[in-house]
N, C-alpha and C. Protein backbone atom coordinates (compact mmCIF):
# COMPACT_ATOMS: atom_id res chain seq x y z
N UNK A 1 128.10 85.93 92.06
CA UNK A 1 128.22 84.63 92.72
C UNK A 1 128.08 84.81 94.23
N UNK A 2 127.30 83.95 94.83
CA UNK A 2 127.11 83.98 96.28
C UNK A 2 128.17 83.13 96.96
N UNK A 3 128.39 83.37 98.25
CA UNK A 3 129.30 82.54 99.03
C UNK A 3 128.63 81.23 99.43
N UNK A 4 127.33 81.30 99.71
CA UNK A 4 126.59 80.15 100.24
C UNK A 4 125.21 80.10 99.64
N UNK A 5 124.77 78.90 99.26
CA UNK A 5 123.39 78.65 98.88
C UNK A 5 122.79 77.69 99.91
N UNK A 6 121.66 78.08 100.48
CA UNK A 6 120.90 77.17 101.32
C UNK A 6 119.95 76.45 100.38
N UNK A 7 120.07 75.13 100.33
CA UNK A 7 119.29 74.34 99.37
C UNK A 7 118.28 73.46 100.11
N UNK A 8 117.05 73.46 99.59
CA UNK A 8 115.98 72.69 100.23
C UNK A 8 115.16 71.98 99.17
N UNK A 9 114.63 70.83 99.55
CA UNK A 9 113.66 70.09 98.73
C UNK A 9 112.34 70.11 99.50
N UNK A 10 111.25 70.34 98.78
CA UNK A 10 109.95 70.43 99.44
C UNK A 10 108.92 69.64 98.64
N UNK A 11 108.16 68.82 99.35
CA UNK A 11 107.04 68.10 98.73
C UNK A 11 105.85 68.23 99.68
N UNK A 12 104.93 69.11 99.31
CA UNK A 12 103.75 69.37 100.16
C UNK A 12 104.15 69.73 101.60
N UNK A 13 105.19 70.52 101.75
CA UNK A 13 105.73 70.88 103.06
C UNK A 13 104.93 72.04 103.67
N UNK A 14 104.26 71.81 104.79
CA UNK A 14 103.42 72.86 105.38
C UNK A 14 104.21 74.03 105.97
N UNK A 15 105.49 73.84 106.29
CA UNK A 15 106.27 74.89 106.94
C UNK A 15 107.24 75.59 105.99
N UNK A 16 107.14 75.35 104.69
CA UNK A 16 108.09 75.92 103.75
C UNK A 16 108.11 77.45 103.83
N UNK A 17 106.95 78.07 103.80
CA UNK A 17 106.89 79.53 103.82
C UNK A 17 107.50 80.08 105.11
N UNK A 18 107.17 79.48 106.25
CA UNK A 18 107.75 79.94 107.52
C UNK A 18 109.26 79.76 107.53
N UNK A 19 109.74 78.66 106.96
CA UNK A 19 111.19 78.44 106.91
C UNK A 19 111.87 79.49 106.05
N UNK A 20 111.33 79.76 104.87
CA UNK A 20 111.94 80.77 104.00
C UNK A 20 111.90 82.14 104.65
N UNK A 21 110.77 82.51 105.22
CA UNK A 21 110.68 83.81 105.90
C UNK A 21 111.68 83.91 107.04
N UNK A 22 111.83 82.84 107.80
CA UNK A 22 112.80 82.81 108.90
C UNK A 22 114.22 82.94 108.40
N UNK A 23 114.53 82.26 107.29
CA UNK A 23 115.87 82.36 106.71
C UNK A 23 116.16 83.80 106.27
N UNK A 24 115.20 84.42 105.62
CA UNK A 24 115.41 85.79 105.13
C UNK A 24 115.71 86.74 106.30
N UNK A 25 115.12 86.48 107.46
CA UNK A 25 115.39 87.30 108.64
C UNK A 25 116.69 86.96 109.36
N UNK A 26 117.22 85.77 109.12
CA UNK A 26 118.40 85.31 109.85
C UNK A 26 119.71 85.47 109.08
N UNK A 27 119.64 85.48 107.76
CA UNK A 27 120.86 85.52 106.96
C UNK A 27 121.54 86.87 107.04
N UNK A 28 122.87 86.84 107.20
CA UNK A 28 123.65 88.07 107.33
C UNK A 28 124.71 88.20 106.24
N UNK A 29 125.00 87.14 105.53
CA UNK A 29 126.08 87.14 104.56
C UNK A 29 125.60 87.17 103.12
N UNK A 30 126.50 86.86 102.22
CA UNK A 30 126.26 86.80 100.79
C UNK A 30 125.67 85.42 100.46
N UNK A 31 124.41 85.24 100.84
CA UNK A 31 123.76 83.92 100.82
C UNK A 31 122.44 83.99 100.07
N UNK A 32 122.14 82.94 99.30
CA UNK A 32 120.83 82.84 98.66
C UNK A 32 120.15 81.54 99.11
N UNK A 33 118.89 81.40 98.72
CA UNK A 33 118.07 80.25 99.09
C UNK A 33 117.55 79.64 97.81
N UNK A 34 117.78 78.35 97.63
CA UNK A 34 117.29 77.64 96.44
C UNK A 34 116.36 76.51 96.94
N UNK A 35 115.12 76.55 96.49
CA UNK A 35 114.14 75.55 96.88
C UNK A 35 113.67 74.81 95.63
N UNK A 36 113.74 73.49 95.67
CA UNK A 36 113.17 72.68 94.61
C UNK A 36 111.86 72.11 95.16
N UNK A 37 110.76 72.56 94.58
CA UNK A 37 109.43 72.09 94.98
C UNK A 37 109.10 70.90 94.10
N UNK A 38 108.85 69.78 94.75
CA UNK A 38 108.81 68.48 94.07
C UNK A 38 107.39 67.92 93.96
N UNK A 39 106.79 68.09 92.78
CA UNK A 39 105.53 67.43 92.49
C UNK A 39 104.32 67.93 93.25
N UNK A 40 104.38 69.11 93.84
CA UNK A 40 103.19 69.64 94.53
C UNK A 40 102.09 69.92 93.52
N UNK A 41 100.86 69.81 93.97
CA UNK A 41 99.73 70.07 93.07
C UNK A 41 99.68 71.53 92.64
N UNK A 42 100.04 72.41 93.55
CA UNK A 42 100.03 73.84 93.27
C UNK A 42 101.46 74.35 93.13
N UNK A 43 101.71 75.22 92.16
CA UNK A 43 103.05 75.82 92.07
C UNK A 43 103.34 76.60 93.36
N UNK A 44 104.60 76.70 93.73
CA UNK A 44 104.97 77.37 94.98
C UNK A 44 104.73 78.88 94.90
N UNK A 45 104.67 79.53 96.06
CA UNK A 45 104.53 80.98 96.04
C UNK A 45 105.78 81.63 95.49
N UNK A 46 105.61 82.80 94.92
CA UNK A 46 106.79 83.55 94.48
C UNK A 46 107.21 84.48 95.60
N UNK A 47 108.48 84.80 95.64
CA UNK A 47 109.01 85.68 96.68
C UNK A 47 109.58 86.93 96.03
N UNK A 48 109.29 88.08 96.62
CA UNK A 48 109.81 89.32 96.03
C UNK A 48 111.32 89.46 96.18
N UNK A 49 111.91 88.69 97.08
CA UNK A 49 113.35 88.78 97.31
C UNK A 49 114.12 88.07 96.21
N UNK A 50 115.15 88.73 95.70
CA UNK A 50 116.02 88.08 94.71
C UNK A 50 116.90 87.01 95.33
N UNK A 51 116.89 86.92 96.66
CA UNK A 51 117.68 85.90 97.34
C UNK A 51 117.03 84.53 97.28
N UNK A 52 115.74 84.46 96.92
CA UNK A 52 115.00 83.20 96.89
C UNK A 52 114.77 82.78 95.45
N UNK A 53 115.25 81.56 95.13
CA UNK A 53 115.04 80.98 93.81
C UNK A 53 114.22 79.71 93.98
N UNK A 54 113.09 79.64 93.30
CA UNK A 54 112.20 78.48 93.39
C UNK A 54 112.26 77.73 92.07
N UNK A 55 112.54 76.43 92.15
CA UNK A 55 112.51 75.54 90.98
C UNK A 55 111.31 74.62 91.18
N UNK A 56 110.45 74.53 90.20
CA UNK A 56 109.24 73.71 90.34
C UNK A 56 109.34 72.49 89.43
N UNK A 57 109.36 71.31 90.05
CA UNK A 57 109.29 70.05 89.32
C UNK A 57 107.83 69.58 89.31
N UNK A 58 107.24 69.52 88.15
CA UNK A 58 105.84 69.08 88.05
C UNK A 58 105.67 67.65 88.52
N UNK A 59 106.63 66.79 88.15
CA UNK A 59 106.59 65.39 88.58
C UNK A 59 107.51 65.18 89.77
N UNK A 60 107.09 64.29 90.67
CA UNK A 60 107.85 64.01 91.88
C UNK A 60 109.11 63.20 91.55
N UNK A 61 110.26 63.70 91.96
CA UNK A 61 111.53 63.02 91.71
C UNK A 61 112.19 62.51 93.00
N UNK A 62 111.77 63.04 94.15
CA UNK A 62 112.34 62.62 95.43
C UNK A 62 113.29 63.66 95.99
N UNK A 63 113.43 63.62 97.32
CA UNK A 63 114.25 64.60 98.04
C UNK A 63 115.70 64.59 97.58
N UNK A 64 116.28 63.42 97.46
CA UNK A 64 117.70 63.34 97.09
C UNK A 64 117.95 63.95 95.73
N UNK A 65 117.11 63.63 94.75
CA UNK A 65 117.27 64.20 93.41
C UNK A 65 117.09 65.72 93.43
N UNK A 66 116.15 66.20 94.25
CA UNK A 66 115.93 67.65 94.34
C UNK A 66 117.12 68.36 94.97
N UNK A 67 117.72 67.78 95.99
CA UNK A 67 118.90 68.39 96.61
C UNK A 67 120.05 68.41 95.58
N UNK A 68 120.23 67.32 94.87
CA UNK A 68 121.27 67.30 93.82
C UNK A 68 120.98 68.36 92.76
N UNK A 69 119.74 68.49 92.35
CA UNK A 69 119.34 69.49 91.34
C UNK A 69 119.66 70.90 91.85
N UNK A 70 119.35 71.19 93.11
CA UNK A 70 119.64 72.51 93.66
C UNK A 70 121.15 72.77 93.73
N UNK A 71 121.91 71.76 94.08
CA UNK A 71 123.38 71.92 94.15
C UNK A 71 123.96 72.22 92.77
N UNK A 72 123.45 71.56 91.74
CA UNK A 72 123.90 71.83 90.37
C UNK A 72 123.48 73.22 89.93
N UNK A 73 122.30 73.66 90.34
CA UNK A 73 121.80 74.98 89.96
C UNK A 73 122.61 76.10 90.62
N UNK A 74 123.05 75.88 91.84
CA UNK A 74 123.79 76.89 92.59
C UNK A 74 125.13 77.21 91.93
N UNK A 75 125.57 78.45 92.09
CA UNK A 75 126.93 78.81 91.67
C UNK A 75 127.77 79.25 92.86
N UNK A 76 127.26 78.98 94.08
CA UNK A 76 127.96 79.36 95.30
C UNK A 76 129.15 78.44 95.57
N UNK A 77 130.08 78.93 96.36
CA UNK A 77 131.22 78.11 96.76
C UNK A 77 130.79 77.03 97.74
N UNK A 78 129.85 77.34 98.62
CA UNK A 78 129.39 76.41 99.65
C UNK A 78 127.88 76.21 99.55
N UNK A 79 127.42 75.05 100.02
CA UNK A 79 125.99 74.78 100.13
C UNK A 79 125.67 74.35 101.56
N UNK A 80 124.45 74.64 101.97
CA UNK A 80 123.93 74.12 103.23
C UNK A 80 122.61 73.47 102.91
N UNK A 81 122.54 72.15 103.02
CA UNK A 81 121.29 71.42 102.83
C UNK A 81 120.47 71.61 104.10
N UNK A 82 119.21 72.00 103.93
CA UNK A 82 118.35 72.27 105.09
C UNK A 82 116.96 71.71 104.80
N UNK A 83 116.37 71.04 105.77
CA UNK A 83 114.99 70.59 105.62
C UNK A 83 114.08 71.82 105.65
N UNK A 84 112.95 71.78 104.94
CA UNK A 84 112.08 72.96 104.85
C UNK A 84 111.13 73.12 106.03
N UNK A 85 111.54 72.68 107.18
CA UNK A 85 110.77 72.87 108.42
C UNK A 85 111.74 73.13 109.56
N UNK A 86 112.70 74.05 109.29
CA UNK A 86 113.77 74.33 110.26
C UNK A 86 113.89 75.83 110.51
N UNK A 87 114.44 76.15 111.67
CA UNK A 87 114.77 77.51 112.06
C UNK A 87 116.27 77.55 112.25
N UNK A 88 116.93 78.61 111.79
CA UNK A 88 118.37 78.76 112.04
C UNK A 88 118.63 80.01 112.88
N UNK A 89 119.76 80.03 113.53
CA UNK A 89 120.18 81.19 114.32
C UNK A 89 120.58 82.33 113.40
N UNK A 90 120.36 83.55 113.86
CA UNK A 90 120.78 84.73 113.08
C UNK A 90 122.28 84.68 112.86
N UNK A 91 122.67 84.89 111.62
CA UNK A 91 124.10 84.92 111.29
C UNK A 91 124.75 83.56 111.17
N UNK A 92 123.96 82.47 111.20
CA UNK A 92 124.55 81.14 111.09
C UNK A 92 125.34 81.00 109.80
N UNK A 93 124.87 81.63 108.72
CA UNK A 93 125.58 81.54 107.45
C UNK A 93 126.99 82.10 107.56
N UNK A 94 127.16 83.24 108.21
CA UNK A 94 128.50 83.82 108.38
C UNK A 94 129.33 82.95 109.31
N UNK A 95 128.72 82.45 110.38
CA UNK A 95 129.45 81.59 111.31
C UNK A 95 129.98 80.33 110.65
N UNK A 96 129.17 79.73 109.80
CA UNK A 96 129.62 78.52 109.09
C UNK A 96 130.74 78.84 108.12
N UNK A 97 130.58 79.92 107.37
CA UNK A 97 131.63 80.30 106.40
C UNK A 97 132.94 80.64 107.11
N UNK A 98 132.86 81.33 108.23
CA UNK A 98 134.06 81.70 108.98
C UNK A 98 134.75 80.50 109.61
N UNK A 99 133.98 79.48 109.97
CA UNK A 99 134.57 78.33 110.66
C UNK A 99 135.06 77.24 109.72
N UNK A 100 134.72 77.31 108.46
CA UNK A 100 135.12 76.27 107.51
C UNK A 100 136.55 76.57 107.03
N UNK A 101 137.50 75.84 107.55
CA UNK A 101 138.91 76.10 107.28
C UNK A 101 139.47 75.29 106.11
N UNK A 102 138.69 74.34 105.61
CA UNK A 102 139.20 73.43 104.59
C UNK A 102 138.05 73.02 103.68
N UNK A 103 138.32 72.89 102.40
CA UNK A 103 137.28 72.49 101.45
C UNK A 103 136.80 71.07 101.67
N UNK A 104 137.51 70.27 102.47
CA UNK A 104 137.11 68.89 102.72
C UNK A 104 136.25 68.72 103.97
N UNK A 105 135.91 69.80 104.63
CA UNK A 105 135.11 69.73 105.84
C UNK A 105 133.62 69.58 105.50
N UNK A 106 132.92 68.86 106.34
CA UNK A 106 131.46 68.88 106.36
C UNK A 106 131.08 69.28 107.76
N UNK A 107 130.28 70.32 107.89
CA UNK A 107 129.91 70.85 109.21
C UNK A 107 128.42 70.56 109.41
N UNK A 108 128.10 70.05 110.60
CA UNK A 108 126.72 69.72 110.96
C UNK A 108 126.37 70.51 112.21
N UNK A 109 125.45 71.47 112.11
CA UNK A 109 125.04 72.22 113.30
C UNK A 109 124.31 71.34 114.29
N UNK A 110 124.29 71.78 115.54
CA UNK A 110 123.57 71.06 116.58
C UNK A 110 122.06 71.14 116.31
N UNK A 111 121.37 70.05 116.54
CA UNK A 111 119.94 69.93 116.27
C UNK A 111 119.15 70.12 117.56
N UNK A 112 118.19 71.04 117.49
CA UNK A 112 117.21 71.23 118.57
C UNK A 112 115.81 71.03 117.98
N UNK A 113 114.86 70.64 118.81
CA UNK A 113 113.48 70.58 118.35
C UNK A 113 112.97 72.01 118.17
N UNK A 114 112.01 72.14 117.26
CA UNK A 114 111.41 73.44 116.99
C UNK A 114 109.97 73.43 117.50
N UNK A 115 109.60 74.49 118.21
CA UNK A 115 108.22 74.62 118.67
C UNK A 115 107.37 75.05 117.47
N UNK A 116 106.43 74.21 116.98
CA UNK A 116 105.73 74.50 115.74
C UNK A 116 104.82 75.74 115.79
N UNK A 117 104.28 76.06 116.93
CA UNK A 117 103.40 77.23 117.01
C UNK A 117 104.21 78.52 117.17
N UNK A 118 105.22 78.50 118.04
CA UNK A 118 106.03 79.70 118.28
C UNK A 118 107.12 79.88 117.23
N UNK A 119 107.45 78.82 116.51
CA UNK A 119 108.51 78.81 115.49
C UNK A 119 109.83 79.27 116.06
N UNK A 120 110.17 78.68 117.19
CA UNK A 120 111.44 78.97 117.88
C UNK A 120 112.02 77.65 118.35
N UNK A 121 113.36 77.57 118.43
CA UNK A 121 113.96 76.33 118.93
C UNK A 121 113.71 76.14 120.41
N UNK A 122 113.59 74.89 120.80
CA UNK A 122 113.48 74.54 122.21
C UNK A 122 114.91 74.24 122.65
N UNK A 123 115.53 75.17 123.38
CA UNK A 123 116.97 75.14 123.63
C UNK A 123 117.36 74.29 124.83
N UNK A 124 116.86 73.09 124.89
CA UNK A 124 117.33 72.16 125.91
C UNK A 124 117.50 70.80 125.25
N UNK A 125 118.44 70.06 125.71
CA UNK A 125 118.69 68.72 125.21
C UNK A 125 118.92 68.67 123.70
N UNK A 126 119.77 69.55 123.20
CA UNK A 126 120.12 69.49 121.79
C UNK A 126 120.75 68.14 121.46
N UNK A 127 120.55 67.68 120.25
CA UNK A 127 121.03 66.37 119.86
C UNK A 127 122.37 66.47 119.15
N UNK A 128 123.40 65.89 119.74
CA UNK A 128 124.72 65.82 119.10
C UNK A 128 125.08 64.37 118.81
N UNK A 129 124.52 63.44 119.56
CA UNK A 129 124.84 62.04 119.41
C UNK A 129 123.54 61.24 119.42
N UNK A 130 123.48 60.16 118.65
CA UNK A 130 122.31 59.29 118.73
C UNK A 130 122.75 57.86 118.48
N UNK A 131 121.88 56.95 118.80
CA UNK A 131 122.12 55.54 118.52
C UNK A 131 121.00 55.06 117.63
N UNK A 132 121.24 53.96 116.90
CA UNK A 132 120.18 53.40 116.09
C UNK A 132 120.30 51.89 116.09
N UNK A 133 119.17 51.25 115.85
CA UNK A 133 119.13 49.78 115.87
C UNK A 133 119.28 49.23 114.45
N UNK A 134 119.13 47.92 114.30
CA UNK A 134 119.31 47.28 112.99
C UNK A 134 118.27 47.70 111.97
N UNK A 135 117.13 48.24 112.44
CA UNK A 135 116.11 48.77 111.52
C UNK A 135 116.33 50.26 111.23
N UNK A 136 117.46 50.79 111.68
CA UNK A 136 117.86 52.20 111.52
C UNK A 136 116.89 53.16 112.17
N UNK A 137 116.27 52.75 113.26
CA UNK A 137 115.45 53.64 114.06
C UNK A 137 116.37 54.28 115.10
N UNK A 138 116.43 55.61 115.07
CA UNK A 138 117.40 56.30 115.94
C UNK A 138 116.70 56.89 117.16
N UNK A 139 117.53 57.17 118.17
CA UNK A 139 117.07 57.84 119.39
C UNK A 139 118.25 58.58 119.98
N UNK A 140 117.99 59.61 120.78
CA UNK A 140 119.11 60.32 121.41
C UNK A 140 119.94 59.36 122.24
N UNK A 141 121.25 59.58 122.26
CA UNK A 141 122.16 58.72 123.00
C UNK A 141 122.92 59.58 123.99
N UNK A 142 122.67 59.37 125.26
CA UNK A 142 123.26 60.20 126.31
C UNK A 142 124.49 59.57 126.95
N UNK A 143 124.80 58.32 126.65
CA UNK A 143 125.95 57.66 127.26
C UNK A 143 127.26 58.33 126.90
N UNK A 144 127.29 59.14 125.82
CA UNK A 144 128.53 59.80 125.41
C UNK A 144 129.08 60.68 126.52
N UNK A 145 128.19 61.18 127.40
CA UNK A 145 128.63 62.06 128.48
C UNK A 145 129.63 61.39 129.40
N UNK A 146 129.64 60.05 129.45
CA UNK A 146 130.50 59.31 130.36
C UNK A 146 131.75 58.77 129.67
N UNK A 147 131.90 59.03 128.40
CA UNK A 147 133.05 58.54 127.64
C UNK A 147 134.14 59.59 127.61
N UNK A 148 135.39 59.16 127.47
CA UNK A 148 136.44 60.16 127.29
C UNK A 148 136.33 60.71 125.86
N UNK A 149 136.83 61.94 125.67
CA UNK A 149 136.59 62.65 124.42
C UNK A 149 137.21 61.97 123.20
N UNK A 150 138.21 61.11 123.37
CA UNK A 150 138.83 60.45 122.24
C UNK A 150 137.97 59.38 121.60
N UNK A 151 136.90 58.96 122.26
CA UNK A 151 136.04 57.90 121.73
C UNK A 151 134.71 58.40 121.19
N UNK A 152 134.54 59.70 121.08
CA UNK A 152 133.26 60.25 120.65
C UNK A 152 133.25 60.51 119.15
N UNK A 153 132.20 60.08 118.50
CA UNK A 153 131.97 60.39 117.11
C UNK A 153 130.56 60.96 117.00
N UNK A 154 130.47 62.19 116.53
CA UNK A 154 129.16 62.82 116.44
C UNK A 154 128.37 62.23 115.28
N UNK A 155 127.06 62.37 115.34
CA UNK A 155 126.18 61.94 114.27
C UNK A 155 125.32 63.12 113.85
N UNK A 156 124.55 62.95 112.81
CA UNK A 156 123.60 63.98 112.46
C UNK A 156 122.39 63.34 111.78
N UNK A 157 121.29 64.09 111.79
CA UNK A 157 120.04 63.54 111.31
C UNK A 157 119.86 63.72 109.81
N UNK A 158 120.65 64.55 109.19
CA UNK A 158 120.49 64.83 107.78
C UNK A 158 119.62 66.04 107.52
N UNK A 159 119.05 66.63 108.56
CA UNK A 159 118.20 67.79 108.36
C UNK A 159 119.02 69.02 107.96
N UNK A 160 120.30 69.03 108.28
CA UNK A 160 121.13 70.16 107.93
C UNK A 160 122.59 69.75 107.86
N UNK A 161 123.27 70.10 106.77
CA UNK A 161 124.72 69.98 106.71
C UNK A 161 125.26 71.04 105.78
N UNK A 162 126.53 71.39 105.98
CA UNK A 162 127.21 72.47 105.25
C UNK A 162 128.51 71.93 104.69
N UNK A 163 128.77 72.21 103.42
CA UNK A 163 130.02 71.75 102.81
C UNK A 163 130.32 72.51 101.52
N UNK A 164 131.53 72.33 101.02
CA UNK A 164 131.93 72.92 99.75
C UNK A 164 131.10 72.29 98.64
N UNK A 165 130.52 73.13 97.77
CA UNK A 165 129.64 72.62 96.72
C UNK A 165 130.39 71.73 95.74
N UNK A 166 131.61 72.11 95.34
CA UNK A 166 132.35 71.28 94.39
C UNK A 166 132.68 69.93 94.99
N UNK A 167 132.95 69.89 96.28
CA UNK A 167 133.20 68.60 96.94
C UNK A 167 131.93 67.75 96.94
N UNK A 168 130.79 68.36 97.25
CA UNK A 168 129.51 67.65 97.23
C UNK A 168 129.28 67.02 95.86
N UNK A 169 129.49 67.82 94.82
CA UNK A 169 129.27 67.32 93.46
C UNK A 169 130.30 66.27 93.07
N UNK A 170 131.56 66.41 93.50
CA UNK A 170 132.58 65.43 93.17
C UNK A 170 132.33 64.08 93.84
N UNK A 171 131.62 64.12 94.99
CA UNK A 171 131.25 62.88 95.68
C UNK A 171 130.00 62.25 95.06
N UNK A 172 129.43 62.90 94.06
CA UNK A 172 128.22 62.38 93.40
C UNK A 172 126.94 62.86 94.03
N UNK A 173 127.01 63.83 94.94
CA UNK A 173 125.81 64.34 95.59
C UNK A 173 125.19 63.28 96.49
N UNK A 174 123.90 63.37 96.67
CA UNK A 174 123.17 62.37 97.45
C UNK A 174 122.84 61.18 96.57
N UNK A 175 122.98 59.99 97.11
CA UNK A 175 122.79 58.75 96.36
C UNK A 175 121.31 58.54 96.06
N UNK A 176 120.91 58.78 94.83
CA UNK A 176 119.51 58.62 94.44
C UNK A 176 119.10 57.16 94.28
N UNK A 177 120.06 56.25 94.18
CA UNK A 177 119.75 54.82 94.07
C UNK A 177 119.35 54.22 95.41
N UNK A 178 119.68 54.93 96.48
CA UNK A 178 119.36 54.45 97.84
C UNK A 178 117.91 54.68 98.19
N UNK A 179 117.22 55.47 97.39
CA UNK A 179 115.82 55.82 97.64
C UNK A 179 115.67 57.31 97.48
N UNK A 180 114.45 57.75 97.27
CA UNK A 180 114.22 59.15 96.99
C UNK A 180 114.25 60.05 98.21
N UNK A 181 113.90 59.48 99.38
CA UNK A 181 113.78 60.30 100.59
C UNK A 181 114.62 59.69 101.69
N UNK A 182 115.00 60.57 102.65
CA UNK A 182 115.75 60.12 103.82
C UNK A 182 117.23 60.20 103.66
């Protein structure tokens, strides 16, 4: 049994291979990677590493269903949902496991843009807070810098979150009735 499973859903994702390769170089703990490839025309590549498990859905079921499928497949204590076009810091898996003090926590790492050619984070103006309008279009929100700390509530984009797997499953996973993606 692993401590952490990084779970991803992919549908014709051009950066999937780079993301998996980057994860394999960054992971330091007892962590595996579970990818559900959703309805791609071609089956996904196989990986020689036993840390990578690929599940291939011939028919497209949607991102939310794939993340739920990966969570059910995992036997790890914790899961980290990650978009298949992300870079993580070396040892992030150990850092998340060490900082999770309670099974009821959900941890969301800080979001930075990724340089697509260099495949490295652009380490300025990381996103911790955002605002959105009635059409749910979001944008970075910088006004938080002027508020006292008691009034701040962080947000996240959904590209990455970490939590106890049993808690995720007890909450019903991601709501597939809300739509397949997003």
